[in-house]
């Protein structure tokens, strides 16, 4: 039983540190957006979560994790996380230029190579 309590405490501490990390990432993204829009200081501030205000939930000792994964709020959070991850991937791809060589460019590059 003690190891379950210790494991749960570890999850709580990990979540608290993850919240702090995400708040920092949110602040960086907000600053970048403000810089891109040229409206520094005009965007509404995001709501912050105080980790001390998080309520601990009492769970039965023998509860399966599969039951928790079926909760609607957890499924919603999981889908939101997947959508945010997809948005990050799309934004990352949008940073880099797209170069698609066609046959003319390939032939031109091959002809321009000088063999010494």
PDB file of N, CA and C in Angstrom:
ATOM      1  N   UNK A   1       0.817  -1.196   0.000  1.00  0.00           N
ATOM      2  CA  UNK A   1       0.000   0.000   0.000  1.00  0.00           C
ATOM      3  C   UNK A   1       0.860   1.259   0.000  1.00  0.00           C
ATOM      4  N   UNK A   2       1.977   1.190   0.731  1.00  0.00           N
ATOM      5  CA  UNK A   2       2.820   2.375   0.837  1.00  0.00           C
ATOM      6  C   UNK A   2       3.389   2.776  -0.517  1.00  0.00           C
ATOM      7  N   UNK A   3       3.731   1.780  -1.339  1.00  0.00           N
ATOM      8  CA  UNK A   3       4.309   2.101  -2.640  1.00  0.00           C
ATOM      9  C   UNK A   3       3.290   2.782  -3.544  1.00  0.00           C
ATOM     10  N   UNK A   4       2.008   2.459  -3.398  1.00  0.00           N
ATOM     11  CA  UNK A   4       0.980   3.133  -4.199  1.00  0.00           C
ATOM     12  C   UNK A   4       0.866   4.596  -3.789  1.00  0.00           C
ATOM     13  N   UNK A   5       0.930   4.827  -2.478  1.00  0.00           N
ATOM     14  CA  UNK A   5       0.867   6.207  -1.994  1.00  0.00           C
ATOM     15  C   UNK A   5       2.078   6.984  -2.489  1.00  0.00           C
ATOM     16  N   UNK A   6       3.244   6.350  -2.403  1.00  0.00           N
ATOM     17  CA  UNK A   6       4.471   7.004  -2.852  1.00  0.00           C
ATOM     18  C   UNK A   6       4.415   7.269  -4.362  1.00  0.00           C
ATOM     19  N   UNK A   7       3.868   6.330  -5.111  1.00  0.00           N
ATOM     20  CA  UNK A   7       3.732   6.495  -6.556  1.00  0.00           C
ATOM     21  C   UNK A   7       2.764   7.633  -6.869  1.00  0.00           C
ATOM     22  N   UNK A   8       1.664   7.707  -6.128  1.00  0.00           N
ATOM     23  CA  UNK A   8       0.696   8.786  -6.342  1.00  0.00           C
ATOM     24  C   UNK A   8       1.317  10.140  -6.023  1.00  0.00           C
ATOM     25  N   UNK A   9       2.105  10.219  -4.963  1.00  0.00           N
ATOM     26  CA  UNK A   9       2.784  11.475  -4.622  1.00  0.00           C
ATOM     27  C   UNK A   9       3.738  11.879  -5.744  1.00  0.00           C
ATOM     28  N   UNK A  10       4.415  10.883  -6.310  1.00  0.00           N
ATOM     29  CA  UNK A  10       5.316  11.166  -7.423  1.00  0.00           C
ATOM     30  C   UNK A  10       4.574  11.719  -8.625  1.00  0.00           C
ATOM     31  N   UNK A  11       3.402  11.173  -8.908  1.00  0.00           N
ATOM     32  CA  UNK A  11       2.586  11.665 -10.023  1.00  0.00           C
ATOM     33  C   UNK A  11       2.138  13.097  -9.758  1.00  0.00           C
ATOM     34  N   UNK A  12       1.760  13.385  -8.521  1.00  0.00           N
ATOM     35  CA  UNK A  12       1.324  14.744  -8.175  1.00  0.00           C
ATOM     36  C   UNK A  12       2.470  15.731  -8.355  1.00  0.00           C
ATOM     37  N   UNK A  13       3.643  15.393  -7.859  1.00  0.00           N
ATOM     38  CA  UNK A  13       4.794  16.290  -7.988  1.00  0.00           C
ATOM     39  C   UNK A  13       5.191  16.462  -9.450  1.00  0.00           C
ATOM     40  N   UNK A  14       5.126  15.387 -10.204  1.00  0.00           N
ATOM     41  CA  UNK A  14       5.435  15.468 -11.630  1.00  0.00           C
ATOM     42  C   UNK A  14       4.446  16.381 -12.348  1.00  0.00           C
ATOM     43  N   UNK A  15       3.179  16.282 -11.982  1.00  0.00           N
ATOM     44  CA  UNK A  15       2.153  17.128 -12.590  1.00  0.00           C
ATOM     45  C   UNK A  15       2.373  18.588 -12.227  1.00  0.00           C
ATOM     46  N   UNK A  16       2.740  18.845 -10.994  1.00  0.00           N
ATOM     47  CA  UNK A  16       3.005  20.232 -10.581  1.00  0.00           C
ATOM     48  C   UNK A  16       4.174  20.828 -11.356  1.00  0.00           C
ATOM     49  N   UNK A  17       5.230  20.050 -11.537  1.00  0.00           N
ATOM     50  CA  UNK A  17       6.363  20.572 -12.296  1.00  0.00           C
ATOM     51  C   UNK A  17       5.996  20.733 -13.768  1.00  0.00           C
ATOM     52  N   UNK A  18       5.132  19.851 -14.277  1.00  0.00           N
ATOM     53  CA  UNK A  18       4.682  19.960 -15.662  1.00  0.00           C
ATOM     54  C   UNK A  18       3.840  21.220 -15.859  1.00  0.00           C
ATOM     55  N   UNK A  19       3.034  21.562 -14.864  1.00  0.00           N
ATOM     56  CA  UNK A  19       2.228  22.785 -14.942  1.00  0.00           C
ATOM     57  C   UNK A  19       3.140  23.996 -15.033  1.00  0.00           C
ATOM     58  N   UNK A  20       4.170  24.031 -14.204  1.00  0.00           N
ATOM     59  CA  UNK A  20       5.101  25.162 -14.232  1.00  0.00           C
ATOM     60  C   UNK A  20       5.803  25.254 -15.585  1.00  0.00           C
ATOM     61  N   UNK A  21       6.192  24.113 -16.125  1.00  0.00           N
ATOM     62  CA  UNK A  21       6.848  24.093 -17.437  1.00  0.00           C
ATOM     63  C   UNK A  21       5.904  24.609 -18.520  1.00  0.00           C
ATOM     64  N   UNK A  22       4.664  24.137 -18.496  1.00  0.00           N
ATOM     65  CA  UNK A  22       3.684  24.556 -19.505  1.00  0.00           C
ATOM     66  C   UNK A  22       3.357  26.043 -19.386  1.00  0.00           C
ATOM     67  N   UNK A  23       3.336  26.581 -18.161  1.00  0.00           N
ATOM     68  CA  UNK A  23       3.082  28.008 -17.992  1.00  0.00           C
ATOM     69  C   UNK A  23       4.216  28.822 -18.602  1.00  0.00           C
ATOM     70  N   UNK A  24       5.445  28.344 -18.457  1.00  0.00           N
ATOM     71  CA  UNK A  24       6.579  29.013 -19.087  1.00  0.00           C
ATOM     72  C   UNK A  24       6.491  28.959 -20.600  1.00  0.00           C
ATOM     73  N   UNK A  25       6.110  27.803 -21.130  1.00  0.00           N
ATOM     74  CA  UNK A  25       5.952  27.664 -22.579  1.00  0.00           C
ATOM     75  C   UNK A  25       4.832  28.563 -23.095  1.00  0.00           C
ATOM     76  N   UNK A  26       3.756  28.672 -22.328  1.00  0.00           N
ATOM     77  CA  UNK A  26       2.651  29.542 -22.712  1.00  0.00           C
ATOM     78  C   UNK A  26       3.095  31.000 -22.748  1.00  0.00           C
ATOM     79  N   UNK A  27       3.871  31.405 -21.765  1.00  0.00           N
ATOM     80  CA  UNK A  27       4.366  32.784 -21.739  1.00  0.00           C
ATOM     81  C   UNK A  27       5.275  33.054 -22.934  1.00  0.00           C
ATOM     82  N   UNK A  28       6.137  32.096 -23.284  1.00  0.00           N
ATOM     83  CA  UNK A  28       7.010  32.267 -24.443  1.00  0.00           C
ATOM     84  C   UNK A  28       6.202  32.357 -25.733  1.00  0.00           C
ATOM     85  N   UNK A  29       5.216  31.491 -25.881  1.00  0.00           N
ATOM     86  CA  UNK A  29       4.384  31.517 -27.086  1.00  0.00           C
ATOM     87  C   UNK A  29       3.596  32.816 -27.171  1.00  0.00           C
ATOM     88  N   UNK A  30       3.111  33.294 -26.046  1.00  0.00           N
ATOM     89  CA  UNK A  30       2.370  34.546 -26.018  1.00  0.00           C
ATOM     90  C   UNK A  30       3.273  35.713 -26.421  1.00  0.00           C
ATOM     91  N   UNK A  31       4.497  35.731 -25.919  1.00  0.00           N
ATOM     92  CA  UNK A  31       5.441  36.785 -26.297  1.00  0.00           C
ATOM     93  C   UNK A  31       5.767  36.729 -27.784  1.00  0.00           C
ATOM     94  N   UNK A  32       5.955  35.525 -28.314  1.00  0.00           N
ATOM     95  CA  UNK A  32       6.250  35.384 -29.740  1.00  0.00           C
ATOM     96  C   UNK A  32       5.076  35.859 -30.587  1.00  0.00           C
ATOM     97  N   UNK A  33       3.863  35.526 -30.176  1.00  0.00           N
ATOM     98  CA  UNK A  33       2.678  35.959 -30.908  1.00  0.00           C
ATOM     99  C   UNK A  33       2.538  37.474 -30.863  1.00  0.00           C
ATOM    100  N   UNK A  34       2.777  38.056 -29.715  1.00  0.00           N
ATOM    101  CA  UNK A  34       2.692  39.509 -29.593  1.00  0.00           C
ATOM    102  C   UNK A  34       3.741  40.185 -30.466  1.00  0.00           C
ATOM    103  N   UNK A  35       4.928  39.607 -30.525  1.00  0.00           N
ATOM    104  CA  UNK A  35       5.980  40.169 -31.364  1.00  0.00           C
ATOM    105  C   UNK A  35       5.599  40.080 -32.841  1.00  0.00           C
ATOM    106  N   UNK A  36       5.043  38.934 -33.260  1.00  0.00           N
ATOM    107  CA  UNK A  36       4.640  38.767 -34.656  1.00  0.00           C
ATOM    108  C   UNK A  36       3.515  39.719 -35.050  1.00  0.00           C
ATOM    109  N   UNK A  37       2.585  39.942 -34.136  1.00  0.00           N
ATOM    110  CA  UNK A  37       1.445  40.805 -34.427  1.00  0.00           C
ATOM    111  C   UNK A  37       1.756  42.278 -34.229  1.00  0.00           C
ATOM    112  N   UNK A  38       2.894  42.563 -33.614  1.00  0.00           N
ATOM    113  CA  UNK A  38       3.235  43.953 -33.346  1.00  0.00           C
ATOM    114  C   UNK A  38       2.316  44.586 -32.322  1.00  0.00           C
ATOM    115  N   UNK A  39       1.759  43.775 -31.464  1.00  0.00           N
ATOM    116  CA  UNK A  39       0.806  44.297 -30.480  1.00  0.00           C
ATOM    117  C   UNK A  39       1.231  43.894 -29.082  1.00  0.00           C
ATOM    118  N   UNK A  40       2.487  44.129 -28.774  1.00  0.00           N
ATOM    119  CA  UNK A  40       3.002  43.698 -27.478  1.00  0.00           C
ATOM    120  C   UNK A  40       2.221  44.365 -26.359  1.00  0.00           C
ATOM    121  N   UNK A  41       1.706  43.553 -25.469  1.00  0.00           N
ATOM    122  CA  UNK A  41       0.966  44.062 -24.322  1.00  0.00           C
ATOM    123  C   UNK A  41      -0.523  44.222 -24.571  1.00  0.00           C
ATOM    124  N   UNK A  42      -0.995  43.971 -25.797  1.00  0.00           N
ATOM    125  CA  UNK A  42      -2.410  44.164 -26.102  1.00  0.00           C
ATOM    126  C   UNK A  42      -3.217  42.867 -26.058  1.00  0.00           C
ATOM    127  N   UNK A  43      -2.554  41.729 -26.022  1.00  0.00           N
ATOM    128  CA  UNK A  43      -3.269  40.459 -25.988  1.00  0.00           C
ATOM    129  C   UNK A  43      -3.778  40.182 -24.582  1.00  0.00           C
ATOM    130  N   UNK A  44      -4.928  39.542 -24.474  1.00  0.00           N
ATOM    131  CA  UNK A  44      -5.426  39.204 -23.133  1.00  0.00           C
ATOM    132  C   UNK A  44      -4.516  38.168 -22.481  1.00  0.00           C
ATOM    133  N   UNK A  45      -4.371  38.277 -21.194  1.00  0.00           N
ATOM    134  CA  UNK A  45      -3.526  37.348 -20.451  1.00  0.00           C
ATOM    135  C   UNK A  45      -4.262  36.030 -20.230  1.00  0.00           C
ATOM    136  N   UNK A  46      -3.536  34.959 -20.349  1.00  0.00           N
ATOM    137  CA  UNK A  46      -4.113  33.636 -20.117  1.00  0.00           C
ATOM    138  C   UNK A  46      -4.303  33.423 -18.620  1.00  0.00           C
ATOM    139  N   UNK A  47      -5.275  32.627 -18.291  1.00  0.00           N
ATOM    140  CA  UNK A  47      -5.493  32.313 -16.889  1.00  0.00           C
ATOM    141  C   UNK A  47      -4.413  31.346 -16.426  1.00  0.00           C
ATOM    142  N   UNK A  48      -3.904  31.593 -15.248  1.00  0.00           N
ATOM    143  CA  UNK A  48      -2.877  30.715 -14.713  1.00  0.00           C
ATOM    144  C   UNK A  48      -3.483  29.796 -13.664  1.00  0.00           C
ATOM    145  N   UNK A  49      -2.863  28.658 -13.517  1.00  0.00           N
ATOM    146  CA  UNK A  49      -3.317  27.676 -12.538  1.00  0.00           C
ATOM    147  C   UNK A  49      -2.299  27.636 -11.417  1.00  0.00           C
ATOM    148  N   UNK A  50      -2.767  27.828 -10.218  1.00  0.00           N
ATOM    149  CA  UNK A  50      -1.904  27.727  -9.056  1.00  0.00           C
ATOM    150  C   UNK A  50      -1.897  26.272  -8.608  1.00  0.00           C
ATOM    151  N   UNK A  51      -0.720  25.674  -8.560  1.00  0.00           N
ATOM    152  CA  UNK A  51      -0.651  24.255  -8.220  1.00  0.00           C
ATOM    153  C   UNK A  51      -1.108  23.986  -6.789  1.00  0.00           C
ATOM    154  N   UNK A  52      -1.061  24.986  -5.930  1.00  0.00           N
ATOM    155  CA  UNK A  52      -1.538  24.790  -4.557  1.00  0.00           C
ATOM    156  C   UNK A  52      -3.057  24.696  -4.499  1.00  0.00           C
ATOM    157  N   UNK A  53      -3.728  25.279  -5.509  1.00  0.00           N
ATOM    158  CA  UNK A  53      -5.188  25.254  -5.503  1.00  0.00           C
ATOM    159  C   UNK A  53      -5.758  23.957  -6.077  1.00  0.00           C
ATOM    160  N   UNK A  54      -4.893  23.089  -6.597  1.00  0.00           N
ATOM    161  CA  UNK A  54      -5.362  21.816  -7.136  1.00  0.00           C
ATOM    162  C   UNK A  54      -5.855  20.943  -5.995  1.00  0.00           C
ATOM    163  N   UNK A  55      -7.000  20.369  -6.196  1.00  0.00           N
ATOM    164  CA  UNK A  55      -7.574  19.520  -5.161  1.00  0.00           C
ATOM    165  C   UNK A  55      -7.124  18.083  -5.384  1.00  0.00           C
ATOM    166  N   UNK A  56      -6.759  17.440  -4.312  1.00  0.00           N
ATOM    167  CA  UNK A  56      -6.395  16.030  -4.437  1.00  0.00           C
ATOM    168  C   UNK A  56      -7.673  15.200  -4.460  1.00  0.00           C
ATOM    169  N   UNK A  57      -7.644  14.162  -5.250  1.00  0.00           N
ATOM    170  CA  UNK A  57      -8.806  13.303  -5.421  1.00  0.00           C
ATOM    171  C   UNK A  57      -8.539  11.994  -4.689  1.00  0.00           C
ATOM    172  N   UNK A  58      -9.497  11.563  -3.907  1.00  0.00           N
ATOM    173  CA  UNK A  58      -9.383  10.291  -3.190  1.00  0.00           C
ATOM    174  C   UNK A  58      -9.875   9.179  -4.117  1.00  0.00           C
ATOM    175  N   UNK A  59      -9.010   8.230  -4.412  1.00  0.00           N
ATOM    176  CA  UNK A  59      -9.354   7.112  -5.280  1.00  0.00           C
ATOM    177  C   UNK A  59      -9.262   5.814  -4.495  1.00  0.00           C
ATOM    178  N   UNK A  60     -10.144   4.873  -4.782  1.00  0.00           N
ATOM    179  CA  UNK A  60     -10.048   3.571  -4.116  1.00  0.00           C
ATOM    180  C   UNK A  60      -8.740   2.879  -4.482  1.00  0.00           C
ATOM    181  N   UNK A  61      -8.240   2.077  -3.575  1.00  0.00           N
ATOM    182  CA  UNK A  61      -6.933   1.446  -3.760  1.00  0.00           C
ATOM    183  C   UNK A  61      -6.900   0.489  -4.945  1.00  0.00           C
ATOM    184  N   UNK A  62      -7.954  -0.247  -5.214  1.00  0.00           N
ATOM    185  CA  UNK A  62      -7.928  -1.249  -6.271  1.00  0.00           C
ATOM    186  C   UNK A  62      -8.473  -0.776  -7.605  1.00  0.00           C
ATOM    187  N   UNK A  63      -8.596   0.517  -7.810  1.00  0.00           N
ATOM    188  CA  UNK A  63      -9.201   1.058  -9.020  1.00  0.00           C
ATOM    189  C   UNK A  63      -8.279   0.861 -10.220  1.00  0.00           C
ATOM    190  N   UNK A  64      -8.818   0.322 -11.289  1.00  0.00           N
ATOM    191  CA  UNK A  64      -8.041   0.081 -12.502  1.00  0.00           C
ATOM    192  C   UNK A  64      -7.832   1.392 -13.253  1.00  0.00           C
ATOM    193  N   UNK A  65      -6.671   1.524 -13.873  1.00  0.00           N
ATOM    194  CA  UNK A  65      -6.397   2.732 -14.648  1.00  0.00           C
ATOM    195  C   UNK A  65      -7.262   2.797 -15.900  1.00  0.00           C
ATOM    196  N   UNK A  66      -7.748   1.652 -16.378  1.00  0.00           N
ATOM    197  CA  UNK A  66      -8.619   1.639 -17.555  1.00  0.00           C
ATOM    198  C   UNK A  66      -9.932   2.360 -17.281  1.00  0.00           C
ATOM    199  N   UNK A  67     -10.413   2.272 -16.054  1.00  0.00           N
ATOM    200  CA  UNK A  67     -11.644   2.980 -15.693  1.00  0.00           C
ATOM    201  C   UNK A  67     -11.414   4.483 -15.749  1.00  0.00           C
ATOM    202  N   UNK A  68     -10.251   4.907 -15.263  1.00  0.00           N
ATOM    203  CA  UNK A  68      -9.945   6.340 -15.294  1.00  0.00           C
ATOM    204  C   UNK A  68      -9.825   6.850 -16.727  1.00  0.00           C
ATOM    205  N   UNK A  69      -9.297   6.012 -17.612  1.00  0.00           N
ATOM    206  CA  UNK A  69      -9.130   6.432 -19.003  1.00  0.00           C
ATOM    207  C   UNK A  69     -10.459   6.566 -19.738  1.00  0.00           C
ATOM    208  N   UNK A  70     -11.528   6.029 -19.182  1.00  0.00           N
ATOM    209  CA  UNK A  70     -12.846   6.126 -19.807  1.00  0.00           C
ATOM    210  C   UNK A  70     -13.622   7.350 -19.342  1.00  0.00           C
ATOM    211  N   UNK A  71     -13.059   8.112 -18.417  1.00  0.00           N
ATOM    212  CA  UNK A  71     -13.760   9.303 -17.945  1.00  0.00           C
ATOM    213  C   UNK A  71     -13.824  10.333 -19.070  1.00  0.00           C
ATOM    214  N   UNK A  72     -14.972  10.997 -19.252  1.00  0.00           N
ATOM    215  CA  UNK A  72     -15.116  11.965 -20.344  1.00  0.00           C
ATOM    216  C   UNK A  72     -14.133  13.129 -20.248  1.00  0.00           C
ATOM    217  N   UNK A  73     -13.850  13.616 -19.041  1.00  0.00           N
ATOM    218  CA  UNK A  73     -12.934  14.740 -18.922  1.00  0.00           C
ATOM    219  C   UNK A  73     -11.508  14.337 -19.274  1.00  0.00           C
ATOM    220  N   UNK A  74     -11.134  13.113 -18.957  1.00  0.00           N
ATOM    221  CA  UNK A  74      -9.795  12.650 -19.309  1.00  0.00           C
ATOM    222  C   UNK A  74      -9.699  12.402 -20.811  1.00  0.00           C
ATOM    223  N   UNK A  75     -10.762  11.851 -21.409  1.00  0.00           N
ATOM    224  CA  UNK A  75     -10.757  11.649 -22.861  1.00  0.00           C
ATOM    225  C   UNK A  75     -10.707  12.990 -23.584  1.00  0.00           C
ATOM    226  N   UNK A  76     -11.434  13.981 -23.079  1.00  0.00           N
ATOM    227  CA  UNK A  76     -11.410  15.313 -23.685  1.00  0.00           C
ATOM    228  C   UNK A  76     -10.016  15.923 -23.591  1.00  0.00           C
ATOM    229  N   UNK A  77      -9.382  15.785 -22.437  1.00  0.00           N
ATOM    230  CA  UNK A  77      -8.029  16.315 -22.272  1.00  0.00           C
ATOM    231  C   UNK A  77      -7.042  15.606 -23.191  1.00  0.00           C
ATOM    232  N   UNK A  78      -7.219  14.304 -23.363  1.00  0.00           N
ATOM    233  CA  UNK A  78      -6.343  13.544 -24.245  1.00  0.00           C
ATOM    234  C   UNK A  78      -6.508  13.995 -25.696  1.00  0.00           C
ATOM    235  N   UNK A  79      -7.746  14.210 -26.127  1.00  0.00           N
ATOM    236  CA  UNK A  79      -7.986  14.682 -27.495  1.00  0.00           C
ATOM    237  C   UNK A  79      -7.460  16.101 -27.685  1.00  0.00           C
ATOM    238  N   UNK A  80      -7.607  16.937 -26.681  1.00  0.00           N
ATOM    239  CA  UNK A  80      -7.073  18.302 -26.768  1.00  0.00           C
ATOM    240  C   UNK A  80      -5.554  18.274 -26.869  1.00  0.00           C
ATOM    241  N   UNK A  81      -4.927  17.375 -26.143  1.00  0.00           N
ATOM    242  CA  UNK A  81      -3.474  17.243 -26.206  1.00  0.00           C
ATOM    243  C   UNK A  81      -3.029  16.765 -27.584  1.00  0.00           C
ATOM    244  N   UNK A  82      -3.749  15.802 -28.162  1.00  0.00           N
ATOM    245  CA  UNK A  82      -3.409  15.325 -29.507  1.00  0.00           C
ATOM    246  C   UNK A  82      -3.591  16.440 -30.539  1.00  0.00           C
ATOM    247  N   UNK A  83      -4.649  17.242 -30.396  1.00  0.00           N
ATOM    248  CA  UNK A  83      -4.877  18.345 -31.328  1.00  0.00           C
ATOM    249  C   UNK A  83      -3.786  19.398 -31.193  1.00  0.00           C
ATOM    250  N   UNK A  84      -3.392  19.697 -29.971  1.00  0.00           N
ATOM    251  CA  UNK A  84      -2.326  20.676 -29.760  1.00  0.00           C
ATOM    252  C   UNK A  84      -1.014  20.167 -30.343  1.00  0.00           C
ATOM    253  N   UNK A  85      -0.758  18.881 -30.201  1.00  0.00           N
ATOM    254  CA  UNK A  85       0.449  18.297 -30.763  1.00  0.00           C
ATOM    255  C   UNK A  85       0.428  18.375 -32.289  1.00  0.00           C
ATOM    256  N   UNK A  86      -0.728  18.147 -32.897  1.00  0.00           N
ATOM    257  CA  UNK A  86      -0.846  18.255 -34.355  1.00  0.00           C
ATOM    258  C   UNK A  86      -0.625  19.698 -34.800  1.00  0.00           C
ATOM    259  N   UNK A  87      -1.134  20.649 -34.026  1.00  0.00           N
ATOM    260  CA  UNK A  87      -0.928  22.057 -34.362  1.00  0.00           C
ATOM    261  C   UNK A  87       0.543  22.434 -34.278  1.00  0.00           C
ATOM    262  N   UNK A  88       1.255  21.879 -33.308  1.00  0.00           N
ATOM    263  CA  UNK A  88       2.688  22.154 -33.186  1.00  0.00           C
ATOM    264  C   UNK A  88       3.421  21.608 -34.400  1.00  0.00           C
ATOM    265  N   UNK A  89       3.050  20.393 -34.827  1.00  0.00           N
ATOM    266  CA  UNK A  89       3.683  19.809 -36.005  1.00  0.00           C
ATOM    267  C   UNK A  89       3.425  20.623 -37.257  1.00  0.00           C
ATOM    268  N   UNK A  90       2.208  21.107 -37.416  1.00  0.00           N
ATOM    269  CA  UNK A  90       1.878  21.927 -38.583  1.00  0.00           C
ATOM    270  C   UNK A  90       2.619  23.257 -38.537  1.00  0.00           C
ATOM    271  N   UNK A  91       2.722  23.855 -37.370  1.00  0.00           N
ATOM    272  CA  UNK A  91       3.431  25.129 -37.243  1.00  0.00           C
ATOM    273  C   UNK A  91       4.917  24.946 -37.501  1.00  0.00           C
ATOM    274  N   UNK A  92       5.473  23.838 -37.055  1.00  0.00           N
ATOM    275  CA  UNK A  92       6.891  23.572 -37.280  1.00  0.00           C
ATOM    276  C   UNK A  92       7.163  23.384 -38.766  1.00  0.00           C
ATOM    277  N   UNK A  93       6.285  22.663 -39.446  1.00  0.00           N
ATOM    278  CA  UNK A  93       6.465  22.485 -40.891  1.00  0.00           C
ATOM    279  C   UNK A  93       6.340  23.809 -41.624  1.00  0.00           C
ATOM    280  N   UNK A  94       5.526  24.713 -41.111  1.00  0.00           N
ATOM    281  CA  UNK A  94       5.339  25.995 -41.765  1.00  0.00           C
ATOM    282  C   UNK A  94       6.535  26.917 -41.649  1.00  0.00           C
ATOM    283  N   UNK A  95       7.453  26.626 -40.748  1.00  0.00           N
ATOM    284  CA  UNK A  95       8.631  27.475 -40.561  1.00  0.00           C
ATOM    285  C   UNK A  95       9.624  27.289 -41.699  1.00  0.00           C
ATOM    286  N   UNK A  96       9.764  26.070 -42.167  1.00  0.00           N
ATOM    287  CA  UNK A  96      10.797  25.752 -43.130  1.00  0.00           C
ATOM    288  C   UNK A  96      10.302  25.936 -44.567  1.00  0.00           C
ATOM    289  N   UNK A  97      11.181  26.390 -45.448  1.00  0.00           N
ATOM    290  CA  UNK A  97      10.776  26.546 -46.850  1.00  0.00           C
ATOM    291  C   UNK A  97      10.581  25.184 -47.510  1.00  0.00           C
ATOM    292  N   UNK A  98       9.740  25.184 -48.518  1.00  0.00           N
ATOM    293  CA  UNK A  98       9.465  23.951 -49.258  1.00  0.00           C
ATOM    294  C   UNK A  98      10.253  24.008 -50.561  1.00  0.00           C
ATOM    295  N   UNK A  99      11.048  23.011 -50.802  1.00  0.00           N
ATOM    296  CA  UNK A  99      11.829  22.934 -52.025  1.00  0.00           C
ATOM    297  C   UNK A  99      11.550  21.598 -52.680  1.00  0.00           C
ATOM    298  N   UNK A 100      10.973  21.660 -53.872  1.00  0.00           N
ATOM    299  CA  UNK A 100      10.679  20.445 -54.621  1.00  0.00           C
ATOM    300  C   UNK A 100      11.422  20.540 -55.952  1.00  0.00           C
ATOM    301  N   UNK A 101      12.537  19.855 -56.066  1.00  0.00           N
ATOM    302  CA  UNK A 101      13.278  19.936 -57.327  1.00  0.00           C
ATOM    303  C   UNK A 101      12.527  19.216 -58.443  1.00  0.00           C
ATOM    304  N   UNK A 102      12.463  19.869 -59.591  1.00  0.00           N
ATOM    305  CA  UNK A 102      11.880  19.197 -60.746  1.00  0.00           C
ATOM    306  C   UNK A 102      13.017  18.728 -61.653  1.00  0.00           C
ATOM    307  N   UNK A 103      12.688  18.114 -62.727  1.00  0.00           N
ATOM    308  CA  UNK A 103      13.702  17.514 -63.591  1.00  0.00           C
ATOM    309  C   UNK A 103      14.627  18.570 -64.181  1.00  0.00           C
ATOM    310  N   UNK A 104      14.091  19.759 -64.518  1.00  0.00           N
ATOM    311  CA  UNK A 104      14.940  20.812 -65.094  1.00  0.00           C
ATOM    312  C   UNK A 104      16.001  21.259 -64.094  1.00  0.00           C
ATOM    313  N   UNK A 105      15.617  21.428 -62.832  1.00  0.00           N
ATOM    314  CA  UNK A 105      16.582  21.846 -61.822  1.00  0.00           C
ATOM    315  C   UNK A 105      17.640  20.778 -61.583  1.00  0.00           C
ATOM    316  N   UNK A 106      17.240  19.527 -61.615  1.00  0.00           N
ATOM    317  CA  UNK A 106      18.193  18.442 -61.403  1.00  0.00           C
ATOM    318  C   UNK A 106      19.197  18.402 -62.546  1.00  0.00           C
ATOM    319  N   UNK A 107      18.708  18.514 -63.797  1.00  0.00           N
ATOM    320  CA  UNK A 107      19.612  18.510 -64.951  1.00  0.00           C
ATOM    321  C   UNK A 107      20.544  19.711 -64.907  1.00  0.00           C
ATOM    322  N   UNK A 108      20.035  20.874 -64.537  1.00  0.00           N
ATOM    323  CA  UNK A 108      20.837  22.089 -64.467  1.00  0.00           C
ATOM    324  C   UNK A 108      21.925  21.936 -63.401  1.00  0.00           C
ATOM    325  N   UNK A 109      21.590  21.337 -62.289  1.00  0.00           N
ATOM    326  CA  UNK A 109      22.574  21.142 -61.229  1.00  0.00           C
ATOM    327  C   UNK A 109      23.639  20.136 -61.651  1.00  0.00           C
ATOM    328  N   UNK A 110      23.243  19.119 -62.373  1.00  0.00           N
ATOM    329  CA  UNK A 110      24.215  18.115 -62.803  1.00  0.00           C
ATOM    330  C   UNK A 110      25.165  18.698 -63.843  1.00  0.00           C
ATOM    331  N   UNK A 111      24.653  19.574 -64.719  1.00  0.00           N
ATOM    332  CA  UNK A 111      25.508  20.179 -65.741  1.00  0.00           C
ATOM    333  C   UNK A 111      26.456  21.207 -65.149  1.00  0.00           C
ATOM    334  N   UNK A 112      26.075  21.811 -64.021  1.00  0.00           N
ATOM    335  CA  UNK A 112      26.908  22.866 -63.459  1.00  0.00           C
ATOM    336  C   UNK A 112      28.063  22.320 -62.624  1.00  0.00           C
ATOM    337  N   UNK A 113      28.092  21.030 -62.398  1.00  0.00           N
ATOM    338  CA  UNK A 113      29.190  20.439 -61.630  1.00  0.00           C
ATOM    339  C   UNK A 113      30.403  20.336 -62.541  1.00  0.00           C
ATOM    340  N   UNK A 114      31.501  20.905 -62.087  1.00  0.00           N
ATOM    341  CA  UNK A 114      32.736  20.872 -62.869  1.00  0.00           C
ATOM    342  C   UNK A 114      33.628  19.785 -62.294  1.00  0.00           C
ATOM    343  N   UNK A 115      34.058  18.885 -63.136  1.00  0.00           N
ATOM    344  CA  UNK A 115      34.941  17.803 -62.701  1.00  0.00           C
ATOM    345  C   UNK A 115      36.366  18.218 -63.003  1.00  0.00           C
ATOM    346  N   UNK A 116      37.188  18.199 -61.991  1.00  0.00           N
ATOM    347  CA  UNK A 116      38.589  18.628 -62.158  1.00  0.00           C
ATOM    348  C   UNK A 116      39.485  17.415 -62.181  1.00  0.00           C
TER     349      UNK A 116
END
